[in-house]
Amino acid sequence: MDEKKKQSKPGKKQNVRIEVALPEGVAASVAGNILTIKGPKGEVARELKQKNVSVKVDGQKIILETKRFTKKDKKMAYSLTAHAKNMIKGTTQAHEYILKICAGHFPMTVAVADNKLSVKNFLGEKIPRVLPLKEGASVKIDGQLIHITSTSKEIAGQVAAGIEQLTRRPGFDTRVFQDGIYIINKDGKELK
């Protein structure tokens, strides 16, 4: 993904123009404030609502431009560029979060059915803990690992955080009570 900055002469106030190239097989369109990107893995739409940053699609490029010269507007242009790159990555590769099931005291049973994730026998509890899953996320359980994939990075992250919070035990010492489900990989970044 190419990123080009076209700026005026040094020493003068500079406007920011950022171009993000679209890979082959990926198409983008803008309708109002909503940027939609379609690719081989699916489609992602996001509202990019900033009054001082304009978003356009020109052929195989997404162009973000601000004509104001404040630091805040430049930061917003670069933030929207990062969102566009995440959307492109999601439609070509999909975002994946990996969680690990840790059960030291009581064996936990984790299952996905009817768009809900349920955790049974968490620390010996009789009533299972249930989390309704968001649309657009695919959750698969592989032994002690849970794989979450989605074209939207935000949806994948929210589902992963929801699962982690489902087994949270406030008021208990985490050095002793280590049972739970924990995020170990955030979209390719290992957590230690």
N, C-alpha and C. Protein backbone atom coordinates (compact mmCIF):
# COMPACT_ATOMS: atom_id res chain seq x y z
N MET A 1 0.84 -1.18 0.00
CA MET A 1 0.00 0.00 0.00
C MET A 1 0.88 1.24 0.00
N ASP A 2 0.77 2.00 -1.03
CA ASP A 2 1.59 3.20 -1.16
C ASP A 2 0.92 4.35 -0.44
N GLU A 3 1.76 5.15 0.14
CA GLU A 3 1.26 6.35 0.82
C GLU A 3 2.10 7.50 0.33
N LYS A 4 1.49 8.49 -0.28
CA LYS A 4 2.21 9.64 -0.79
C LYS A 4 1.69 10.90 -0.13
N LYS A 5 2.62 11.76 0.22
CA LYS A 5 2.24 13.04 0.81
C LYS A 5 2.67 14.13 -0.16
N LYS A 6 1.72 14.94 -0.55
CA LYS A 6 2.04 16.08 -1.41
C LYS A 6 1.87 17.34 -0.58
N GLN A 7 2.97 18.04 -0.41
CA GLN A 7 2.94 19.24 0.41
C GLN A 7 3.53 20.40 -0.37
N SER A 8 3.17 21.59 0.07
CA SER A 8 3.69 22.78 -0.59
C SER A 8 5.12 23.04 -0.13
N LYS A 9 5.68 24.19 -0.51
CA LYS A 9 7.07 24.52 -0.22
C LYS A 9 7.34 24.54 1.28
N PRO A 10 8.55 24.12 1.68
CA PRO A 10 8.88 24.15 3.10
C PRO A 10 8.87 25.58 3.63
N GLY A 11 8.51 25.72 4.88
CA GLY A 11 8.47 27.03 5.50
C GLY A 11 7.11 27.68 5.43
N LYS A 12 6.24 27.20 4.58
CA LYS A 12 4.88 27.74 4.48
C LYS A 12 3.91 26.76 5.12
N LYS A 13 2.71 27.23 5.34
CA LYS A 13 1.68 26.35 5.87
C LYS A 13 1.39 25.28 4.83
N GLN A 14 1.29 24.05 5.30
CA GLN A 14 1.18 22.94 4.37
C GLN A 14 -0.16 22.23 4.52
N ASN A 15 -0.77 21.93 3.38
CA ASN A 15 -1.95 21.09 3.44
C ASN A 15 -1.50 19.64 3.28
N VAL A 16 -2.31 18.72 3.74
CA VAL A 16 -1.95 17.32 3.73
C VAL A 16 -2.85 16.59 2.74
N ARG A 17 -2.23 15.84 1.85
CA ARG A 17 -2.94 15.01 0.89
C ARG A 17 -2.31 13.62 0.96
N ILE A 18 -3.10 12.63 1.37
CA ILE A 18 -2.60 11.28 1.54
C ILE A 18 -3.32 10.37 0.54
N GLU A 19 -2.55 9.59 -0.19
CA GLU A 19 -3.12 8.66 -1.15
C GLU A 19 -2.83 7.23 -0.69
N VAL A 20 -3.88 6.42 -0.59
CA VAL A 20 -3.73 5.02 -0.21
C VAL A 20 -4.11 4.19 -1.43
N ALA A 21 -3.16 3.41 -1.92
CA ALA A 21 -3.40 2.59 -3.12
C ALA A 21 -4.20 1.36 -2.75
N LEU A 22 -5.13 0.99 -3.62
CA LEU A 22 -5.93 -0.22 -3.43
C LEU A 22 -5.28 -1.37 -4.17
N PRO A 23 -5.12 -2.55 -3.53
CA PRO A 23 -4.55 -3.69 -4.24
C PRO A 23 -5.53 -4.24 -5.28
N GLU A 24 -5.05 -5.14 -6.13
CA GLU A 24 -5.90 -5.73 -7.14
C GLU A 24 -7.02 -6.53 -6.49
N GLY A 25 -8.21 -6.45 -7.08
CA GLY A 25 -9.35 -7.19 -6.55
C GLY A 25 -10.09 -6.47 -5.45
N VAL A 26 -9.67 -5.26 -5.13
CA VAL A 26 -10.32 -4.46 -4.07
C VAL A 26 -10.89 -3.20 -4.70
N ALA A 27 -12.16 -2.92 -4.38
CA ALA A 27 -12.82 -1.72 -4.90
C ALA A 27 -13.33 -0.88 -3.73
N ALA A 28 -13.32 0.43 -3.91
CA ALA A 28 -13.78 1.34 -2.87
C ALA A 28 -14.78 2.32 -3.45
N SER A 29 -15.69 2.80 -2.58
CA SER A 29 -16.65 3.83 -2.99
C SER A 29 -16.99 4.67 -1.78
N VAL A 30 -17.35 5.92 -2.05
CA VAL A 30 -17.73 6.85 -0.98
C VAL A 30 -19.13 7.36 -1.29
N ALA A 31 -20.02 7.23 -0.31
CA ALA A 31 -21.38 7.77 -0.43
C ALA A 31 -21.63 8.61 0.82
N GLY A 32 -21.62 9.92 0.65
CA GLY A 32 -21.75 10.81 1.80
C GLY A 32 -20.50 10.73 2.65
N ASN A 33 -20.65 10.29 3.90
CA ASN A 33 -19.50 10.13 4.80
C ASN A 33 -19.09 8.67 4.94
N ILE A 34 -19.73 7.76 4.23
CA ILE A 34 -19.49 6.33 4.42
C ILE A 34 -18.56 5.81 3.34
N LEU A 35 -17.41 5.26 3.78
CA LEU A 35 -16.45 4.63 2.89
C LEU A 35 -16.72 3.13 2.90
N THR A 36 -16.93 2.55 1.73
CA THR A 36 -17.19 1.12 1.59
C THR A 36 -16.08 0.51 0.76
N ILE A 37 -15.51 -0.57 1.28
CA ILE A 37 -14.45 -1.28 0.59
C ILE A 37 -14.88 -2.73 0.41
N LYS A 38 -14.80 -3.22 -0.84
CA LYS A 38 -15.16 -4.60 -1.16
C LYS A 38 -13.91 -5.33 -1.63
N GLY A 39 -13.74 -6.55 -1.11
CA GLY A 39 -12.60 -7.36 -1.49
C GLY A 39 -12.95 -8.82 -1.52
N PRO A 40 -11.95 -9.70 -1.70
CA PRO A 40 -12.22 -11.13 -1.79
C PRO A 40 -12.78 -11.75 -0.51
N LYS A 41 -12.46 -11.21 0.67
CA LYS A 41 -12.94 -11.76 1.94
C LYS A 41 -14.29 -11.19 2.38
N GLY A 42 -14.73 -10.10 1.76
CA GLY A 42 -16.01 -9.52 2.14
C GLY A 42 -16.02 -8.01 1.92
N GLU A 43 -16.96 -7.39 2.61
CA GLU A 43 -17.18 -5.95 2.45
C GLU A 43 -17.19 -5.29 3.82
N VAL A 44 -16.58 -4.11 3.90
CA VAL A 44 -16.54 -3.34 5.14
C VAL A 44 -16.98 -1.92 4.83
N ALA A 45 -17.86 -1.39 5.66
CA ALA A 45 -18.30 0.01 5.52
C ALA A 45 -18.04 0.72 6.83
N ARG A 46 -17.60 1.97 6.74
CA ARG A 46 -17.31 2.75 7.94
C ARG A 46 -17.62 4.22 7.68
N GLU A 47 -18.18 4.86 8.69
CA GLU A 47 -18.47 6.28 8.57
C GLU A 47 -17.22 7.07 8.95
N LEU A 48 -16.71 7.83 8.01
CA LEU A 48 -15.54 8.68 8.24
C LEU A 48 -16.03 10.12 8.28
N LYS A 49 -16.51 10.52 9.43
CA LYS A 49 -17.16 11.82 9.57
C LYS A 49 -16.22 12.81 10.24
N GLN A 50 -15.56 13.58 9.42
CA GLN A 50 -14.71 14.67 9.91
C GLN A 50 -14.96 15.86 9.01
N LYS A 51 -15.32 17.00 9.61
CA LYS A 51 -15.72 18.13 8.78
C LYS A 51 -14.57 18.78 8.02
N ASN A 52 -13.34 18.61 8.47
CA ASN A 52 -12.22 19.27 7.79
C ASN A 52 -11.37 18.33 6.94
N VAL A 53 -11.73 17.05 6.88
CA VAL A 53 -10.98 16.08 6.10
C VAL A 53 -11.91 15.52 5.04
N SER A 54 -11.51 15.63 3.77
CA SER A 54 -12.34 15.09 2.69
C SER A 54 -11.79 13.74 2.24
N VAL A 55 -12.71 12.83 1.91
CA VAL A 55 -12.35 11.49 1.46
C VAL A 55 -12.92 11.31 0.06
N LYS A 56 -12.05 10.92 -0.90
CA LYS A 56 -12.47 10.68 -2.28
C LYS A 56 -11.86 9.38 -2.76
N VAL A 57 -12.50 8.78 -3.76
CA VAL A 57 -11.94 7.60 -4.42
C VAL A 57 -11.67 7.97 -5.87
N ASP A 58 -10.42 7.78 -6.30
CA ASP A 58 -10.03 8.11 -7.67
C ASP A 58 -9.38 6.87 -8.27
N GLY A 59 -10.15 6.10 -9.03
CA GLY A 59 -9.61 4.88 -9.63
C GLY A 59 -9.23 3.87 -8.57
N GLN A 60 -7.96 3.52 -8.50
CA GLN A 60 -7.48 2.55 -7.52
C GLN A 60 -6.77 3.24 -6.35
N LYS A 61 -7.25 4.43 -5.97
CA LYS A 61 -6.66 5.18 -4.86
C LYS A 61 -7.76 5.77 -3.99
N ILE A 62 -7.49 5.80 -2.70
CA ILE A 62 -8.33 6.54 -1.75
C ILE A 62 -7.53 7.79 -1.40
N ILE A 63 -8.15 8.97 -1.56
CA ILE A 63 -7.46 10.22 -1.31
C ILE A 63 -8.08 10.90 -0.10
N LEU A 64 -7.26 11.18 0.89
CA LEU A 64 -7.68 11.92 2.08
C LEU A 64 -6.94 13.25 2.06
N GLU A 65 -7.71 14.33 2.23
CA GLU A 65 -7.09 15.65 2.08
C GLU A 65 -7.69 16.61 3.09
N THR A 66 -6.82 17.44 3.65
CA THR A 66 -7.27 18.53 4.52
C THR A 66 -6.60 19.81 4.04
N LYS A 67 -7.38 20.87 3.94
CA LYS A 67 -6.84 22.16 3.49
C LYS A 67 -6.59 23.11 4.64
N ARG A 68 -7.02 22.68 5.83
CA ARG A 68 -6.72 23.50 7.00
C ARG A 68 -5.35 23.11 7.52
N PHE A 69 -4.76 23.97 8.33
CA PHE A 69 -3.36 23.78 8.68
C PHE A 69 -3.15 23.50 10.16
N THR A 70 -4.17 23.04 10.86
CA THR A 70 -3.99 22.79 12.28
C THR A 70 -3.44 21.39 12.51
N LYS A 71 -2.78 21.21 13.63
CA LYS A 71 -2.24 19.91 13.99
C LYS A 71 -3.37 18.89 14.14
N LYS A 72 -4.47 19.33 14.70
CA LYS A 72 -5.60 18.42 14.92
C LYS A 72 -6.12 17.86 13.59
N ASP A 73 -6.24 18.69 12.57
CA ASP A 73 -6.73 18.23 11.28
C ASP A 73 -5.75 17.27 10.62
N LYS A 74 -4.46 17.54 10.75
CA LYS A 74 -3.46 16.62 10.20
C LYS A 74 -3.51 15.28 10.91
N LYS A 75 -3.67 15.30 12.23
CA LYS A 75 -3.77 14.05 12.99
C LYS A 75 -5.00 13.26 12.58
N MET A 76 -6.11 13.97 12.35
CA MET A 76 -7.33 13.28 11.94
C MET A 76 -7.16 12.66 10.56
N ALA A 77 -6.47 13.33 9.66
CA ALA A 77 -6.23 12.78 8.32
C ALA A 77 -5.42 11.49 8.41
N TYR A 78 -4.41 11.47 9.27
CA TYR A 78 -3.59 10.26 9.41
C TYR A 78 -4.36 9.16 10.13
N SER A 79 -5.23 9.50 11.07
CA SER A 79 -6.07 8.49 11.74
C SER A 79 -7.03 7.85 10.75
N LEU A 80 -7.65 8.67 9.90
CA LEU A 80 -8.57 8.12 8.90
C LEU A 80 -7.81 7.26 7.89
N THR A 81 -6.56 7.60 7.60
CA THR A 81 -5.73 6.78 6.73
C THR A 81 -5.51 5.40 7.35
N ALA A 82 -5.24 5.37 8.65
CA ALA A 82 -5.05 4.08 9.34
C ALA A 82 -6.32 3.25 9.30
N HIS A 83 -7.49 3.90 9.46
CA HIS A 83 -8.76 3.17 9.37
C HIS A 83 -8.93 2.57 7.97
N ALA A 84 -8.62 3.35 6.94
CA ALA A 84 -8.76 2.86 5.57
C ALA A 84 -7.83 1.68 5.32
N LYS A 85 -6.60 1.74 5.83
CA LYS A 85 -5.67 0.62 5.66
C LYS A 85 -6.16 -0.63 6.38
N ASN A 86 -6.73 -0.46 7.58
CA ASN A 86 -7.29 -1.61 8.31
C ASN A 86 -8.46 -2.21 7.54
N MET A 87 -9.28 -1.37 6.92
CA MET A 87 -10.40 -1.88 6.13
C MET A 87 -9.90 -2.67 4.92
N ILE A 88 -8.86 -2.17 4.27
CA ILE A 88 -8.29 -2.87 3.11
C ILE A 88 -7.71 -4.22 3.55
N LYS A 89 -6.99 -4.23 4.67
CA LYS A 89 -6.43 -5.49 5.17
C LYS A 89 -7.53 -6.48 5.51
N GLY A 90 -8.63 -6.00 6.10
CA GLY A 90 -9.74 -6.88 6.48
C GLY A 90 -10.41 -7.52 5.27
N THR A 91 -10.50 -6.78 4.17
CA THR A 91 -11.16 -7.34 2.99
C THR A 91 -10.24 -8.24 2.18
N THR A 92 -8.92 -8.19 2.43
CA THR A 92 -8.01 -9.06 1.70
C THR A 92 -7.52 -10.24 2.54
N GLN A 93 -7.29 -10.03 3.85
CA GLN A 93 -6.74 -11.09 4.70
C GLN A 93 -7.64 -11.48 5.87
N ALA A 94 -8.50 -10.61 6.32
CA ALA A 94 -9.33 -10.75 7.53
C ALA A 94 -8.46 -10.59 8.78
N HIS A 95 -9.05 -9.99 9.80
CA HIS A 95 -8.37 -9.76 11.07
C HIS A 95 -8.65 -10.95 11.98
N GLU A 96 -7.61 -11.41 12.70
CA GLU A 96 -7.77 -12.58 13.56
C GLU A 96 -7.23 -12.29 14.95
N TYR A 97 -8.04 -12.60 15.96
CA TYR A 97 -7.64 -12.53 17.36
C TYR A 97 -7.66 -13.94 17.91
N ILE A 98 -6.68 -14.27 18.76
CA ILE A 98 -6.60 -15.61 19.35
C ILE A 98 -6.63 -15.47 20.87
N LEU A 99 -7.49 -16.27 21.50
CA LEU A 99 -7.61 -16.30 22.96
C LEU A 99 -7.27 -17.69 23.46
N LYS A 100 -6.76 -17.77 24.68
CA LYS A 100 -6.41 -19.05 25.28
C LYS A 100 -7.30 -19.32 26.48
N ILE A 101 -7.79 -20.56 26.57
CA ILE A 101 -8.62 -20.99 27.70
C ILE A 101 -7.69 -21.55 28.76
N CYS A 102 -7.70 -20.95 29.94
CA CYS A 102 -6.85 -21.39 31.05
C CYS A 102 -7.76 -21.90 32.17
N ALA A 103 -7.66 -23.19 32.48
CA ALA A 103 -8.49 -23.79 33.53
C ALA A 103 -7.58 -24.61 34.43
N GLY A 104 -7.19 -24.03 35.57
CA GLY A 104 -6.30 -24.71 36.49
C GLY A 104 -7.03 -25.46 37.58
N HIS A 105 -8.10 -24.87 38.12
CA HIS A 105 -8.81 -25.49 39.24
C HIS A 105 -9.95 -26.39 38.80
N PHE A 106 -10.80 -25.88 37.92
CA PHE A 106 -11.96 -26.63 37.46
C PHE A 106 -11.93 -26.71 35.93
N PRO A 107 -12.22 -27.89 35.38
CA PRO A 107 -12.25 -27.98 33.90
C PRO A 107 -13.44 -27.22 33.34
N MET A 108 -13.16 -26.26 32.46
CA MET A 108 -14.19 -25.43 31.83
C MET A 108 -14.61 -26.05 30.52
N THR A 109 -15.88 -25.85 30.16
CA THR A 109 -16.37 -26.26 28.86
C THR A 109 -16.81 -25.01 28.13
N VAL A 110 -16.19 -24.74 26.97
CA VAL A 110 -16.52 -23.57 26.17
C VAL A 110 -17.11 -24.06 24.85
N ALA A 111 -18.29 -23.52 24.50
CA ALA A 111 -18.96 -23.95 23.27
C ALA A 111 -19.61 -22.75 22.59
N VAL A 112 -19.73 -22.85 21.25
CA VAL A 112 -20.42 -21.84 20.45
C VAL A 112 -21.62 -22.49 19.81
N ALA A 113 -22.80 -21.92 20.06
CA ALA A 113 -24.03 -22.42 19.45
C ALA A 113 -25.04 -21.29 19.36
N ASP A 114 -25.79 -21.23 18.26
CA ASP A 114 -26.84 -20.23 18.06
C ASP A 114 -26.33 -18.81 18.24
N ASN A 115 -25.13 -18.53 17.71
CA ASN A 115 -24.54 -17.19 17.78
C ASN A 115 -24.31 -16.72 19.22
N LYS A 116 -24.06 -17.68 20.12
CA LYS A 116 -23.75 -17.38 21.51
C LYS A 116 -22.58 -18.24 21.96
N LEU A 117 -21.73 -17.67 22.79
CA LEU A 117 -20.63 -18.42 23.38
C LEU A 117 -20.98 -18.69 24.83
N SER A 118 -20.89 -19.94 25.26
CA SER A 118 -21.21 -20.27 26.66
C SER A 118 -20.01 -20.92 27.32
N VAL A 119 -19.78 -20.55 28.57
CA VAL A 119 -18.70 -21.10 29.39
C VAL A 119 -19.36 -21.81 30.57
N LYS A 120 -19.19 -23.14 30.63
CA LYS A 120 -19.79 -23.93 31.70
C LYS A 120 -18.72 -24.34 32.70
N ASN A 121 -19.10 -24.44 33.96
CA ASN A 121 -18.26 -24.89 35.07
C ASN A 121 -17.06 -23.98 35.29
N PHE A 122 -17.22 -22.67 35.08
CA PHE A 122 -16.14 -21.73 35.35
C PHE A 122 -16.00 -21.58 36.85
N LEU A 123 -14.87 -22.02 37.40
CA LEU A 123 -14.58 -22.03 38.84
C LEU A 123 -15.70 -22.71 39.63
N GLY A 124 -16.30 -23.75 39.03
CA GLY A 124 -17.32 -24.55 39.72
C GLY A 124 -18.70 -23.93 39.74
N GLU A 125 -18.95 -22.89 38.95
CA GLU A 125 -20.26 -22.26 38.94
C GLU A 125 -21.29 -23.18 38.30
N LYS A 126 -22.50 -23.19 38.85
CA LYS A 126 -23.57 -24.06 38.34
C LYS A 126 -24.22 -23.48 37.09
N ILE A 127 -24.33 -22.15 37.03
CA ILE A 127 -25.01 -21.49 35.91
C ILE A 127 -23.97 -21.09 34.88
N PRO A 128 -24.15 -21.47 33.61
CA PRO A 128 -23.16 -21.10 32.59
C PRO A 128 -23.17 -19.61 32.29
N ARG A 129 -22.01 -19.09 31.94
CA ARG A 129 -21.91 -17.69 31.52
C ARG A 129 -22.08 -17.65 30.00
N VAL A 130 -22.94 -16.76 29.52
CA VAL A 130 -23.28 -16.72 28.09
C VAL A 130 -23.01 -15.33 27.54
N LEU A 131 -22.41 -15.30 26.34
CA LEU A 131 -22.12 -14.03 25.66
C LEU A 131 -22.73 -14.08 24.27
N PRO A 132 -23.68 -13.17 23.94
CA PRO A 132 -24.16 -13.10 22.55
C PRO A 132 -23.06 -12.51 21.67
N LEU A 133 -22.80 -13.15 20.52
CA LEU A 133 -21.72 -12.72 19.63
C LEU A 133 -22.24 -11.71 18.62
N LYS A 134 -21.37 -10.79 18.23
CA LYS A 134 -21.72 -9.75 17.25
C LYS A 134 -21.77 -10.35 15.85
N GLU A 135 -22.63 -9.76 15.02
CA GLU A 135 -22.69 -10.17 13.62
C GLU A 135 -21.41 -9.74 12.91
N GLY A 136 -20.94 -10.57 12.01
CA GLY A 136 -19.75 -10.24 11.26
C GLY A 136 -18.49 -10.86 11.82
N ALA A 137 -18.59 -11.58 12.93
CA ALA A 137 -17.43 -12.24 13.53
C ALA A 137 -17.62 -13.75 13.49
N SER A 138 -16.57 -14.46 13.15
CA SER A 138 -16.59 -15.92 13.13
C SER A 138 -15.77 -16.42 14.30
N VAL A 139 -16.36 -17.24 15.17
CA VAL A 139 -15.68 -17.75 16.36
C VAL A 139 -15.55 -19.26 16.24
N LYS A 140 -14.30 -19.75 16.32
CA LYS A 140 -14.03 -21.19 16.25
C LYS A 140 -13.19 -21.59 17.44
N ILE A 141 -13.54 -22.73 18.05
CA ILE A 141 -12.80 -23.25 19.19
C ILE A 141 -11.95 -24.42 18.71
N ASP A 142 -10.63 -24.33 18.99
CA ASP A 142 -9.69 -25.36 18.58
C ASP A 142 -8.91 -25.81 19.81
N GLY A 143 -9.42 -26.79 20.54
CA GLY A 143 -8.78 -27.25 21.77
C GLY A 143 -8.81 -26.17 22.84
N GLN A 144 -7.65 -25.66 23.22
CA GLN A 144 -7.56 -24.62 24.25
C GLN A 144 -7.48 -23.22 23.65
N LEU A 145 -7.65 -23.10 22.33
CA LEU A 145 -7.58 -21.79 21.68
C LEU A 145 -8.92 -21.42 21.06
N ILE A 146 -9.23 -20.14 21.09
CA ILE A 146 -10.42 -19.60 20.44
C ILE A 146 -9.94 -18.64 19.36
N HIS A 147 -10.35 -18.87 18.12
CA HIS A 147 -9.97 -18.03 16.99
C HIS A 147 -11.16 -17.17 16.58
N ILE A 148 -10.95 -15.86 16.53
CA ILE A 148 -12.00 -14.92 16.12
C ILE A 148 -11.51 -14.24 14.85
N THR A 149 -12.29 -14.34 13.77
CA THR A 149 -11.92 -13.68 12.52
C THR A 149 -13.07 -12.80 12.06
N SER A 150 -12.72 -11.67 11.45
CA SER A 150 -13.71 -10.74 10.95
C SER A 150 -13.04 -9.82 9.93
N THR A 151 -13.84 -9.28 9.01
CA THR A 151 -13.31 -8.29 8.07
C THR A 151 -13.13 -6.94 8.75
N SER A 152 -13.84 -6.71 9.85
CA SER A 152 -13.73 -5.46 10.60
C SER A 152 -12.86 -5.67 11.83
N LYS A 153 -11.81 -4.88 11.95
CA LYS A 153 -10.90 -5.00 13.10
C LYS A 153 -11.63 -4.66 14.40
N GLU A 154 -12.54 -3.69 14.35
CA GLU A 154 -13.27 -3.27 15.55
C GLU A 154 -14.17 -4.39 16.06
N ILE A 155 -14.88 -5.06 15.17
CA ILE A 155 -15.78 -6.14 15.59
C ILE A 155 -14.98 -7.30 16.18
N ALA A 156 -13.87 -7.68 15.53
CA ALA A 156 -13.03 -8.77 16.04
C ALA A 156 -12.49 -8.42 17.43
N GLY A 157 -12.04 -7.19 17.61
CA GLY A 157 -11.51 -6.76 18.91
C GLY A 157 -12.58 -6.70 19.99
N GLN A 158 -13.79 -6.25 19.63
CA GLN A 158 -14.87 -6.16 20.61
C GLN A 158 -15.34 -7.54 21.05
N VAL A 159 -15.40 -8.50 20.12
CA VAL A 159 -15.79 -9.86 20.48
C VAL A 159 -14.73 -10.49 21.38
N ALA A 160 -13.45 -10.30 21.05
CA ALA A 160 -12.36 -10.84 21.87
C ALA A 160 -12.40 -10.23 23.27
N ALA A 161 -12.60 -8.93 23.37
CA ALA A 161 -12.66 -8.28 24.68
C ALA A 161 -13.87 -8.74 25.47
N GLY A 162 -15.00 -8.94 24.79
CA GLY A 162 -16.21 -9.44 25.46
C GLY A 162 -16.01 -10.82 26.04
N ILE A 163 -15.32 -11.69 25.30
CA ILE A 163 -15.05 -13.05 25.80
C ILE A 163 -14.11 -12.99 27.00
N GLU A 164 -13.09 -12.13 26.91
CA GLU A 164 -12.16 -12.00 28.03
C GLU A 164 -12.87 -11.46 29.28
N GLN A 165 -13.76 -10.50 29.09
CA GLN A 165 -14.49 -9.92 30.23
C GLN A 165 -15.54 -10.88 30.80
N LEU A 166 -15.97 -11.84 29.99
CA LEU A 166 -16.98 -12.81 30.44
C LEU A 166 -16.46 -13.64 31.61
N THR A 167 -15.16 -13.94 31.61
CA THR A 167 -14.59 -14.77 32.69
C THR A 167 -13.81 -13.95 33.70
N ARG A 168 -14.09 -12.68 33.78
CA ARG A 168 -13.39 -11.80 34.73
C ARG A 168 -13.95 -12.03 36.13
N ARG A 169 -13.07 -12.05 37.14
CA ARG A 169 -13.49 -12.21 38.53
C ARG A 169 -12.93 -11.07 39.36
N PRO A 170 -13.67 -9.94 39.49
CA PRO A 170 -13.14 -8.83 40.28
C PRO A 170 -13.06 -9.20 41.76
N GLY A 171 -12.03 -8.72 42.41
CA GLY A 171 -11.87 -8.97 43.83
C GLY A 171 -11.09 -10.23 44.15
N PHE A 172 -10.68 -10.99 43.13
CA PHE A 172 -9.89 -12.19 43.35
C PHE A 172 -8.45 -11.93 42.93
N ASP A 173 -7.51 -12.52 43.65
CA ASP A 173 -6.10 -12.35 43.36
C ASP A 173 -5.75 -13.12 42.09
N THR A 174 -5.32 -12.43 41.03
CA THR A 174 -5.04 -13.08 39.75
C THR A 174 -3.79 -13.95 39.81
N ARG A 175 -2.97 -13.79 40.85
CA ARG A 175 -1.80 -14.66 40.98
C ARG A 175 -2.21 -16.04 41.45
N VAL A 176 -3.33 -16.14 42.17
CA VAL A 176 -3.82 -17.42 42.66
C VAL A 176 -4.90 -17.98 41.73
N PHE A 177 -5.89 -17.15 41.39
CA PHE A 177 -7.00 -17.58 40.55
C PHE A 177 -6.70 -17.17 39.10
N GLN A 178 -6.00 -18.03 38.39
CA GLN A 178 -5.60 -17.73 37.03
C GLN A 178 -6.56 -18.28 35.99
N ASP A 179 -7.65 -18.90 36.43
CA ASP A 179 -8.61 -19.45 35.48
C ASP A 179 -9.27 -18.32 34.70
N GLY A 180 -9.54 -18.57 33.43
CA GLY A 180 -10.21 -17.57 32.60
C GLY A 180 -9.85 -17.77 31.14
N ILE A 181 -10.29 -16.83 30.32
CA ILE A 181 -9.97 -16.83 28.90
C ILE A 181 -9.26 -15.51 28.62
N TYR A 182 -8.06 -15.60 28.02
CA TYR A 182 -7.22 -14.42 27.86
C TYR A 182 -6.78 -14.25 26.41
N ILE A 183 -6.70 -13.00 25.96
CA ILE A 183 -6.23 -12.69 24.61
C ILE A 183 -4.72 -12.91 24.59
N ILE A 184 -4.24 -13.71 23.61
CA ILE A 184 -2.79 -13.96 23.49
C ILE A 184 -2.24 -13.41 22.18
N ASN A 185 -3.11 -13.11 21.20
CA ASN A 185 -2.66 -12.60 19.91
C ASN A 185 -3.69 -11.63 19.38
N LYS A 186 -3.25 -10.38 19.16
CA LYS A 186 -4.14 -9.34 18.61
C LYS A 186 -3.74 -9.06 17.18
N ASP A 187 -4.43 -9.70 16.26
CA ASP A 187 -4.24 -9.44 14.84
C ASP A 187 -2.76 -9.52 14.43
N GLY A 188 -2.09 -10.59 14.84
CA GLY A 188 -0.69 -10.81 14.48
C GLY A 188 0.30 -10.32 15.50
N LYS A 189 -0.13 -9.61 16.54
CA LYS A 189 0.78 -9.12 17.57
C LYS A 189 0.65 -10.00 18.80
N GLU A 190 1.74 -10.69 19.15
CA GLU A 190 1.75 -11.57 20.32
C GLU A 190 1.75 -10.73 21.61
N LEU A 191 0.95 -11.15 22.58
CA LEU A 191 0.93 -10.50 23.88
C LEU A 191 1.68 -11.39 24.87
N LYS A 192 2.42 -10.76 25.74
CA LYS A 192 3.20 -11.55 26.71
C LYS A 192 2.68 -11.34 28.09
